[in-house]
Amino acid sequence: MALQDIAGEIRTGLAGKTFDGSLKFDCGKDGVIVLAEGSASTDDCGTDCTLQLSKENLKKLLTGKLNPMTAVMMGKIKISGDMGVAMQLGKLLG
């Protein structure tokens, strides 16, 4: 699955939900997905918080097969920037 497709699924999932700030899923050579202003895009830009992870781990995170806290502790996700924004992600995924 391409990041464009994943971004489309995220846009659908965000419908009717609020998210303050901006967050980037940085999947390295596979590209990025940026959550900002109630939408998801594959256009790279500066954000309040960045999560570095593989595309495979992003898919697992979004489908609930990867616990965010466990993934951070195991080094599968690296977080930089505003941790408050990262914490909001749990509400969106839940």
PDB file of N, CA and C in Angstrom:
ATOM      1  N   MET A   1       0.850  -1.179   0.000  1.00  0.00           N
ATOM      2  CA  MET A   1       0.000   0.000   0.000  1.00  0.00           C
ATOM      3  C   MET A   1       0.893   1.239   0.000  1.00  0.00           C
ATOM      4  N   ALA A   2       0.611   2.154  -0.889  1.00  0.00           N
ATOM      5  CA  ALA A   2       1.383   3.393  -0.996  1.00  0.00           C
ATOM      6  C   ALA A   2       0.971   4.392   0.081  1.00  0.00           C
ATOM      7  N   LEU A   3       1.870   5.304   0.414  1.00  0.00           N
ATOM      8  CA  LEU A   3       1.549   6.325   1.421  1.00  0.00           C
ATOM      9  C   LEU A   3       0.367   7.176   0.992  1.00  0.00           C
ATOM     10  N   GLN A   4       0.193   7.396  -0.308  1.00  0.00           N
ATOM     11  CA  GLN A   4      -0.969   8.158  -0.804  1.00  0.00           C
ATOM     12  C   GLN A   4      -2.261   7.474  -0.348  1.00  0.00           C
ATOM     13  N   ASP A   5      -2.304   6.137  -0.449  1.00  0.00           N
ATOM     14  CA  ASP A   5      -3.490   5.374  -0.045  1.00  0.00           C
ATOM     15  C   ASP A   5      -3.702   5.447   1.461  1.00  0.00           C
ATOM     16  N   ILE A   6      -2.610   5.336   2.214  1.00  0.00           N
ATOM     17  CA  ILE A   6      -2.702   5.428   3.677  1.00  0.00           C
ATOM     18  C   ILE A   6      -3.204   6.814   4.075  1.00  0.00           C
ATOM     19  N   ALA A   7      -2.685   7.865   3.426  1.00  0.00           N
ATOM     20  CA  ALA A   7      -3.138   9.232   3.713  1.00  0.00           C
ATOM     21  C   ALA A   7      -4.627   9.362   3.430  1.00  0.00           C
ATOM     22  N   GLY A   8      -5.112   8.748   2.359  1.00  0.00           N
ATOM     23  CA  GLY A   8      -6.537   8.781   2.040  1.00  0.00           C
ATOM     24  C   GLY A   8      -7.366   8.128   3.124  1.00  0.00           C
ATOM     25  N   GLU A   9      -6.901   7.003   3.648  1.00  0.00           N
ATOM     26  CA  GLU A   9      -7.614   6.323   4.733  1.00  0.00           C
ATOM     27  C   GLU A   9      -7.615   7.174   6.000  1.00  0.00           C
ATOM     28  N   ILE A  10      -6.503   7.854   6.261  1.00  0.00           N
ATOM     29  CA  ILE A  10      -6.429   8.729   7.433  1.00  0.00           C
ATOM     30  C   ILE A  10      -7.424   9.879   7.278  1.00  0.00           C
ATOM     31  N   ARG A  11      -7.487  10.475   6.076  1.00  0.00           N
ATOM     32  CA  ARG A  11      -8.447  11.571   5.839  1.00  0.00           C
ATOM     33  C   ARG A  11      -9.865  11.103   6.142  1.00  0.00           C
ATOM     34  N   THR A  12     -10.204   9.908   5.687  1.00  0.00           N
ATOM     35  CA  THR A  12     -11.539   9.360   5.945  1.00  0.00           C
ATOM     36  C   THR A  12     -11.755   9.170   7.441  1.00  0.00           C
ATOM     37  N   GLY A  13     -10.745   8.650   8.131  1.00  0.00           N
ATOM     38  CA  GLY A  13     -10.849   8.424   9.569  1.00  0.00           C
ATOM     39  C   GLY A  13     -10.919   9.694  10.390  1.00  0.00           C
ATOM     40  N   LEU A  14     -10.377  10.791   9.877  1.00  0.00           N
ATOM     41  CA  LEU A  14     -10.388  12.066  10.595  1.00  0.00           C
ATOM     42  C   LEU A  14     -11.713  12.804  10.484  1.00  0.00           C
ATOM     43  N   ALA A  15     -12.575  12.374   9.584  1.00  0.00           N
ATOM     44  CA  ALA A  15     -13.853  13.064   9.375  1.00  0.00           C
ATOM     45  C   ALA A  15     -14.599  13.195  10.697  1.00  0.00           C
ATOM     46  N   GLY A  16     -14.925  14.430  11.062  1.00  0.00           N
ATOM     47  CA  GLY A  16     -15.677  14.697  12.282  1.00  0.00           C
ATOM     48  C   GLY A  16     -14.835  14.728  13.549  1.00  0.00           C
ATOM     49  N   LYS A  17     -13.528  14.542  13.448  1.00  0.00           N
ATOM     50  CA  LYS A  17     -12.652  14.575  14.620  1.00  0.00           C
ATOM     51  C   LYS A  17     -11.792  15.826  14.579  1.00  0.00           C
ATOM     52  N   THR A  18     -11.406  16.306  15.744  1.00  0.00           N
ATOM     53  CA  THR A  18     -10.560  17.489  15.811  1.00  0.00           C
ATOM     54  C   THR A  18      -9.153  17.086  16.230  1.00  0.00           C
ATOM     55  N   PHE A  19      -8.191  17.833  15.728  1.00  0.00           N
ATOM     56  CA  PHE A  19      -6.788  17.584  16.047  1.00  0.00           C
ATOM     57  C   PHE A  19      -6.087  18.926  16.081  1.00  0.00           C
ATOM     58  N   ASP A  20      -5.588  19.303  17.258  1.00  0.00           N
ATOM     59  CA  ASP A  20      -4.883  20.577  17.400  1.00  0.00           C
ATOM     60  C   ASP A  20      -3.406  20.368  17.098  1.00  0.00           C
ATOM     61  N   GLY A  21      -2.861  21.237  16.289  1.00  0.00           N
ATOM     62  CA  GLY A  21      -1.451  21.147  15.953  1.00  0.00           C
ATOM     63  C   GLY A  21      -1.241  20.391  14.654  1.00  0.00           C
ATOM     64  N   SER A  22       0.008  20.049  14.407  1.00  0.00           N
ATOM     65  CA  SER A  22       0.343  19.313  13.188  1.00  0.00           C
ATOM     66  C   SER A  22       1.332  18.211  13.533  1.00  0.00           C
ATOM     67  N   LEU A  23       1.217  17.111  12.811  1.00  0.00           N
ATOM     68  CA  LEU A  23       2.030  15.944  13.097  1.00  0.00           C
ATOM     69  C   LEU A  23       2.487  15.310  11.796  1.00  0.00           C
ATOM     70  N   LYS A  24       3.727  14.845  11.779  1.00  0.00           N
ATOM     71  CA  LYS A  24       4.272  14.208  10.583  1.00  0.00           C
ATOM     72  C   LYS A  24       4.669  12.774  10.899  1.00  0.00           C
ATOM     73  N   PHE A  25       4.221  11.843  10.062  1.00  0.00           N
ATOM     74  CA  PHE A  25       4.724  10.478  10.077  1.00  0.00           C
ATOM     75  C   PHE A  25       5.837  10.441   9.044  1.00  0.00           C
ATOM     76  N   ASP A  26       7.069  10.317   9.488  1.00  0.00           N
ATOM     77  CA  ASP A  26       8.227  10.288   8.588  1.00  0.00           C
ATOM     78  C   ASP A  26       8.641   8.836   8.397  1.00  0.00           C
ATOM     79  N   CYS A  27       8.376   8.315   7.200  1.00  0.00           N
ATOM     80  CA  CYS A  27       8.690   6.915   6.892  1.00  0.00           C
ATOM     81  C   CYS A  27       9.976   6.800   6.078  1.00  0.00           C
ATOM     82  N   GLY A  28      10.875   7.750   6.261  1.00  0.00           N
ATOM     83  CA  GLY A  28      12.165   7.709   5.594  1.00  0.00           C
ATOM     84  C   GLY A  28      12.054   7.759   4.083  1.00  0.00           C
ATOM     85  N   LYS A  29      12.681   6.807   3.405  1.00  0.00           N
ATOM     86  CA  LYS A  29      12.699   6.791   1.933  1.00  0.00           C
ATOM     87  C   LYS A  29      11.313   6.576   1.331  1.00  0.00           C
ATOM     88  N   ASP A  30      10.370   6.055   2.114  1.00  0.00           N
ATOM     89  CA  ASP A  30       9.004   5.845   1.606  1.00  0.00           C
ATOM     90  C   ASP A  30       8.203   7.136   1.556  1.00  0.00           C
ATOM     91  N   GLY A  31       8.638   8.176   2.278  1.00  0.00           N
ATOM     92  CA  GLY A  31       7.949   9.465   2.248  1.00  0.00           C
ATOM     93  C   GLY A  31       7.353   9.843   3.590  1.00  0.00           C
ATOM     94  N   VAL A  32       6.466  10.831   3.559  1.00  0.00           N
ATOM     95  CA  VAL A  32       5.844  11.352   4.780  1.00  0.00           C
ATOM     96  C   VAL A  32       4.339  11.475   4.606  1.00  0.00           C
ATOM     97  N   ILE A  33       3.658  11.477   5.746  1.00  0.00           N
ATOM     98  CA  ILE A  33       2.242  11.850   5.806  1.00  0.00           C
ATOM     99  C   ILE A  33       2.153  12.924   6.874  1.00  0.00           C
ATOM    100  N   VAL A  34       1.545  14.054   6.526  1.00  0.00           N
ATOM    101  CA  VAL A  34       1.401  15.170   7.441  1.00  0.00           C
ATOM    102  C   VAL A  34      -0.068  15.334   7.806  1.00  0.00           C
ATOM    103  N   LEU A  35      -0.347  15.349   9.117  1.00  0.00           N
ATOM    104  CA  LEU A  35      -1.689  15.625   9.618  1.00  0.00           C
ATOM    105  C   LEU A  35      -1.714  17.069  10.070  1.00  0.00           C
ATOM    106  N   ALA A  36      -2.557  17.871   9.430  1.00  0.00           N
ATOM    107  CA  ALA A  36      -2.677  19.280   9.792  1.00  0.00           C
ATOM    108  C   ALA A  36      -4.013  19.795   9.302  1.00  0.00           C
ATOM    109  N   GLU A  37      -4.601  20.676  10.087  1.00  0.00           N
ATOM    110  CA  GLU A  37      -5.856  21.331   9.711  1.00  0.00           C
ATOM    111  C   GLU A  37      -6.940  20.337   9.312  1.00  0.00           C
ATOM    112  N   GLY A  38      -7.033  19.228  10.060  1.00  0.00           N
ATOM    113  CA  GLY A  38      -8.102  18.261   9.848  1.00  0.00           C
ATOM    114  C   GLY A  38      -7.955  17.389   8.626  1.00  0.00           C
ATOM    115  N   SER A  39      -6.785  17.345   8.037  1.00  0.00           N
ATOM    116  CA  SER A  39      -6.600  16.523   6.849  1.00  0.00           C
ATOM    117  C   SER A  39      -5.228  15.855   6.883  1.00  0.00           C
ATOM    118  N   ALA A  40      -4.992  14.965   5.924  1.00  0.00           N
ATOM    119  CA  ALA A  40      -3.713  14.273   5.803  1.00  0.00           C
ATOM    120  C   ALA A  40      -3.188  14.457   4.387  1.00  0.00           C
ATOM    121  N   SER A  41      -1.890  14.703   4.285  1.00  0.00           N
ATOM    122  CA  SER A  41      -1.270  14.969   2.995  1.00  0.00           C
ATOM    123  C   SER A  41       0.097  14.291   2.935  1.00  0.00           C
ATOM    124  N   THR A  42       0.576  14.024   1.737  1.00  0.00           N
ATOM    125  CA  THR A  42       1.923  13.479   1.577  1.00  0.00           C
ATOM    126  C   THR A  42       2.926  14.576   1.202  1.00  0.00           C
ATOM    127  N   ASP A  43       2.493  15.837   1.315  1.00  0.00           N
ATOM    128  CA  ASP A  43       3.382  16.974   1.054  1.00  0.00           C
ATOM    129  C   ASP A  43       4.174  17.278   2.317  1.00  0.00           C
ATOM    130  N   ASP A  44       5.490  17.217   2.224  1.00  0.00           N
ATOM    131  CA  ASP A  44       6.354  17.446   3.384  1.00  0.00           C
ATOM    132  C   ASP A  44       6.368  18.923   3.761  1.00  0.00           C
ATOM    133  N   CYS A  45       6.280  19.190   5.053  1.00  0.00           N
ATOM    134  CA  CYS A  45       6.383  20.549   5.578  1.00  0.00           C
ATOM    135  C   CYS A  45       6.744  20.463   7.053  1.00  0.00           C
ATOM    136  N   GLY A  46       7.067  21.584   7.647  1.00  0.00           N
ATOM    137  CA  GLY A  46       7.372  21.618   9.063  1.00  0.00           C
ATOM    138  C   GLY A  46       6.123  21.343   9.898  1.00  0.00           C
ATOM    139  N   THR A  47       6.285  20.622  11.010  1.00  0.00           N
ATOM    140  CA  THR A  47       5.157  20.291  11.879  1.00  0.00           C
ATOM    141  C   THR A  47       5.543  20.480  13.342  1.00  0.00           C
ATOM    142  N   ASP A  48       4.535  20.451  14.211  1.00  0.00           N
ATOM    143  CA  ASP A  48       4.772  20.577  15.647  1.00  0.00           C
ATOM    144  C   ASP A  48       5.468  19.341  16.215  1.00  0.00           C
ATOM    145  N   CYS A  49       5.190  18.177  15.619  1.00  0.00           N
ATOM    146  CA  CYS A  49       5.717  16.914  16.127  1.00  0.00           C
ATOM    147  C   CYS A  49       5.990  15.981  14.946  1.00  0.00           C
ATOM    148  N   THR A  50       7.053  15.203  15.051  1.00  0.00           N
ATOM    149  CA  THR A  50       7.394  14.228  14.006  1.00  0.00           C
ATOM    150  C   THR A  50       7.569  12.858  14.633  1.00  0.00           C
ATOM    151  N   LEU A  51       6.934  11.865  14.011  1.00  0.00           N
ATOM    152  CA  LEU A  51       7.122  10.472  14.402  1.00  0.00           C
ATOM    153  C   LEU A  51       7.891   9.782  13.291  1.00  0.00           C
ATOM    154  N   GLN A  52       9.053   9.255  13.605  1.00  0.00           N
ATOM    155  CA  GLN A  52       9.843   8.526  12.623  1.00  0.00           C
ATOM    156  C   GLN A  52       9.584   7.039  12.827  1.00  0.00           C
ATOM    157  N   LEU A  53       9.127   6.375  11.753  1.00  0.00           N
ATOM    158  CA  LEU A  53       8.826   4.955  11.818  1.00  0.00           C
ATOM    159  C   LEU A  53       8.788   4.390  10.407  1.00  0.00           C
ATOM    160  N   SER A  54       8.810   3.077  10.314  1.00  0.00           N
ATOM    161  CA  SER A  54       8.743   2.442   8.997  1.00  0.00           C
ATOM    162  C   SER A  54       7.298   2.470   8.489  1.00  0.00           C
ATOM    163  N   LYS A  55       7.146   2.317   7.191  1.00  0.00           N
ATOM    164  CA  LYS A  55       5.807   2.273   6.601  1.00  0.00           C
ATOM    165  C   LYS A  55       5.022   1.089   7.176  1.00  0.00           C
ATOM    166  N   GLU A  56       5.692  -0.027   7.373  1.00  0.00           N
ATOM    167  CA  GLU A  56       5.030  -1.208   7.933  1.00  0.00           C
ATOM    168  C   GLU A  56       4.527  -0.938   9.343  1.00  0.00           C
ATOM    169  N   ASN A  57       5.361  -0.278  10.166  1.00  0.00           N
ATOM    170  CA  ASN A  57       4.935   0.048  11.530  1.00  0.00           C
ATOM    171  C   ASN A  57       3.841   1.104  11.531  1.00  0.00           C
ATOM    172  N   LEU A  58       3.833   2.008  10.560  1.00  0.00           N
ATOM    173  CA  LEU A  58       2.751   2.984  10.451  1.00  0.00           C
ATOM    174  C   LEU A  58       1.429   2.266  10.193  1.00  0.00           C
ATOM    175  N   LYS A  59       1.438   1.310   9.276  1.00  0.00           N
ATOM    176  CA  LYS A  59       0.218   0.548   8.991  1.00  0.00           C
ATOM    177  C   LYS A  59      -0.262  -0.172  10.245  1.00  0.00           C
ATOM    178  N   LYS A  60       0.668  -0.790  10.980  1.00  0.00           N
ATOM    179  CA  LYS A  60       0.301  -1.501  12.215  1.00  0.00           C
ATOM    180  C   LYS A  60      -0.243  -0.533  13.261  1.00  0.00           C
ATOM    181  N   LEU A  61       0.365   0.645  13.380  1.00  0.00           N
ATOM    182  CA  LEU A  61      -0.077   1.654  14.341  1.00  0.00           C
ATOM    183  C   LEU A  61      -1.507   2.092  14.042  1.00  0.00           C
ATOM    184  N   LEU A  62      -1.787   2.361  12.768  1.00  0.00           N
ATOM    185  CA  LEU A  62      -3.095   2.864  12.378  1.00  0.00           C
ATOM    186  C   LEU A  62      -4.190   1.813  12.461  1.00  0.00           C
ATOM    187  N   THR A  63      -3.821   0.534  12.403  1.00  0.00           N
ATOM    188  CA  THR A  63      -4.828  -0.529  12.485  1.00  0.00           C
ATOM    189  C   THR A  63      -4.944  -1.105  13.896  1.00  0.00           C
ATOM    190  N   GLY A  64      -4.198  -0.525  14.844  1.00  0.00           N
ATOM    191  CA  GLY A  64      -4.289  -0.977  16.226  1.00  0.00           C
ATOM    192  C   GLY A  64      -3.461  -2.209  16.530  1.00  0.00           C
ATOM    193  N   LYS A  65      -2.614  -2.635  15.613  1.00  0.00           N
ATOM    194  CA  LYS A  65      -1.781  -3.821  15.827  1.00  0.00           C
ATOM    195  C   LYS A  65      -0.439  -3.485  16.468  1.00  0.00           C
ATOM    196  N   LEU A  66      -0.190  -2.187  16.677  1.00  0.00           N
ATOM    197  CA  LEU A  66       1.046  -1.744  17.319  1.00  0.00           C
ATOM    198  C   LEU A  66       0.689  -0.711  18.373  1.00  0.00           C
ATOM    199  N   ASN A  67       1.003  -1.024  19.626  1.00  0.00           N
ATOM    200  CA  ASN A  67       0.747  -0.100  20.725  1.00  0.00           C
ATOM    201  C   ASN A  67       1.776   1.023  20.665  1.00  0.00           C
ATOM    202  N   PRO A  68       1.316   2.290  20.624  1.00  0.00           N
ATOM    203  CA  PRO A  68       2.260   3.410  20.480  1.00  0.00           C
ATOM    204  C   PRO A  68       3.310   3.481  21.582  1.00  0.00           C
ATOM    205  N   MET A  69       2.910   3.287  22.828  1.00  0.00           N
ATOM    206  CA  MET A  69       3.866   3.396  23.934  1.00  0.00           C
ATOM    207  C   MET A  69       4.904   2.277  23.875  1.00  0.00           C
ATOM    208  N   THR A  70       4.449   1.069  23.589  1.00  0.00           N
ATOM    209  CA  THR A  70       5.365  -0.058  23.460  1.00  0.00           C
ATOM    210  C   THR A  70       6.328   0.174  22.307  1.00  0.00           C
ATOM    211  N   ALA A  71       5.804   0.684  21.188  1.00  0.00           N
ATOM    212  CA  ALA A  71       6.629   0.936  20.010  1.00  0.00           C
ATOM    213  C   ALA A  71       7.718   1.964  20.299  1.00  0.00           C
ATOM    214  N   VAL A  72       7.381   2.989  21.070  1.00  0.00           N
ATOM    215  CA  VAL A  72       8.378   4.001  21.436  1.00  0.00           C
ATOM    216  C   VAL A  72       9.459   3.367  22.307  1.00  0.00           C
ATOM    217  N   MET A  73       9.038   2.578  23.294  1.00  0.00           N
ATOM    218  CA  MET A  73      10.003   1.941  24.197  1.00  0.00           C
ATOM    219  C   MET A  73      10.904   0.949  23.468  1.00  0.00           C
ATOM    220  N   MET A  74      10.377   0.305  22.435  1.00  0.00           N
ATOM    221  CA  MET A  74      11.159  -0.678  21.677  1.00  0.00           C
ATOM    222  C   MET A  74      11.972  -0.034  20.560  1.00  0.00           C
ATOM    223  N   GLY A  75      11.837   1.287  20.396  1.00  0.00           N
ATOM    224  CA  GLY A  75      12.597   1.987  19.372  1.00  0.00           C
ATOM    225  C   GLY A  75      12.000   1.886  17.972  1.00  0.00           C
ATOM    226  N   LYS A  76      10.767   1.409  17.872  1.00  0.00           N
ATOM    227  CA  LYS A  76      10.115   1.306  16.562  1.00  0.00           C
ATOM    228  C   LYS A  76       9.565   2.644  16.101  1.00  0.00           C
ATOM    229  N   ILE A  77       9.359   3.553  17.058  1.00  0.00           N
ATOM    230  CA  ILE A  77       8.909   4.914  16.760  1.00  0.00           C
ATOM    231  C   ILE A  77       9.819   5.867  17.519  1.00  0.00           C
ATOM    232  N   LYS A  78      10.289   6.900  16.825  1.00  0.00           N
ATOM    233  CA  LYS A  78      11.063   7.958  17.462  1.00  0.00           C
ATOM    234  C   LYS A  78      10.254   9.238  17.343  1.00  0.00           C
ATOM    235  N   ILE A  79      10.101   9.941  18.460  1.00  0.00           N
ATOM    236  CA  ILE A  79       9.291  11.152  18.504  1.00  0.00           C
ATOM    237  C   ILE A  79      10.189  12.360  18.718  1.00  0.00           C
ATOM    238  N   SER A  80       9.959  13.406  17.932  1.00  0.00           N
ATOM    239  CA  SER A  80      10.648  14.675  18.157  1.00  0.00           C
ATOM    240  C   SER A  80       9.623  15.796  18.078  1.00  0.00           C
ATOM    241  N   GLY A  81       9.851  16.843  18.857  1.00  0.00           N
ATOM    242  CA  GLY A  81       8.921  17.967  18.862  1.00  0.00           C
ATOM    243  C   GLY A  81       7.975  17.921  20.041  1.00  0.00           C
ATOM    244  N   ASP A  82       6.790  18.469  19.856  1.00  0.00           N
ATOM    245  CA  ASP A  82       5.783  18.650  20.907  1.00  0.00           C
ATOM    246  C   ASP A  82       5.124  17.320  21.279  1.00  0.00           C
ATOM    247  N   MET A  83       5.455  16.810  22.463  1.00  0.00           N
ATOM    248  CA  MET A  83       4.895  15.535  22.921  1.00  0.00           C
ATOM    249  C   MET A  83       3.386  15.622  23.142  1.00  0.00           C
ATOM    250  N   GLY A  84       2.876  16.812  23.458  1.00  0.00           N
ATOM    251  CA  GLY A  84       1.434  16.985  23.633  1.00  0.00           C
ATOM    252  C   GLY A  84       0.677  16.665  22.358  1.00  0.00           C
ATOM    253  N   VAL A  85       1.245  17.038  21.229  1.00  0.00           N
ATOM    254  CA  VAL A  85       0.626  16.729  19.938  1.00  0.00           C
ATOM    255  C   VAL A  85       0.657  15.222  19.710  1.00  0.00           C
ATOM    256  N   ALA A  86       1.770  14.592  20.045  1.00  0.00           N
ATOM    257  CA  ALA A  86       1.874  13.132  19.880  1.00  0.00           C
ATOM    258  C   ALA A  86       0.839  12.419  20.745  1.00  0.00           C
ATOM    259  N   MET A  87       0.589  12.925  21.944  1.00  0.00           N
ATOM    260  CA  MET A  87      -0.382  12.300  22.836  1.00  0.00           C
ATOM    261  C   MET A  87      -1.805  12.390  22.270  1.00  0.00           C
ATOM    262  N   GLN A  88      -2.101  13.431  21.510  1.00  0.00           N
ATOM    263  CA  GLN A  88      -3.430  13.571  20.908  1.00  0.00           C
ATOM    264  C   GLN A  88      -3.693  12.468  19.882  1.00  0.00           C
ATOM    265  N   LEU A  89      -2.642  11.941  19.310  1.00  0.00           N
ATOM    266  CA  LEU A  89      -2.789  10.894  18.304  1.00  0.00           C
ATOM    267  C   LEU A  89      -3.529   9.688  18.872  1.00  0.00           C
ATOM    268  N   GLY A  90      -3.283   9.386  20.129  1.00  0.00           N
ATOM    269  CA  GLY A  90      -3.979   8.267  20.776  1.00  0.00           C
ATOM    270  C   GLY A  90      -5.474   8.433  20.755  1.00  0.00           C
ATOM    271  N   LYS A  91      -5.964   9.653  20.946  1.00  0.00           N
ATOM    272  CA  LYS A  91      -7.407   9.919  20.905  1.00  0.00           C
ATOM    273  C   LYS A  91      -7.958   9.716  19.499  1.00  0.00           C
ATOM    274  N   LEU A  92      -7.174  10.095  18.491  1.00  0.00           N
ATOM    275  CA  LEU A  92      -7.624   9.943  17.118  1.00  0.00           C
ATOM    276  C   LEU A  92      -7.686   8.476  16.706  1.00  0.00           C
ATOM    277  N   LEU A  93      -6.727   7.701  17.181  1.00  0.00           N
ATOM    278  CA  LEU A  93      -6.670   6.291  16.796  1.00  0.00           C
ATOM    279  C   LEU A  93      -7.654   5.445  17.563  1.00  0.00           C
ATOM    280  N   GLY A  94      -8.031   5.907  18.757  1.00  0.00           N
ATOM    281  CA  GLY A  94      -8.893   5.115  19.632  1.00  0.00           C
ATOM    282  C   GLY A  94     -10.323   5.053  19.201  1.00  0.00           C
TER     283      GLY A  94
END
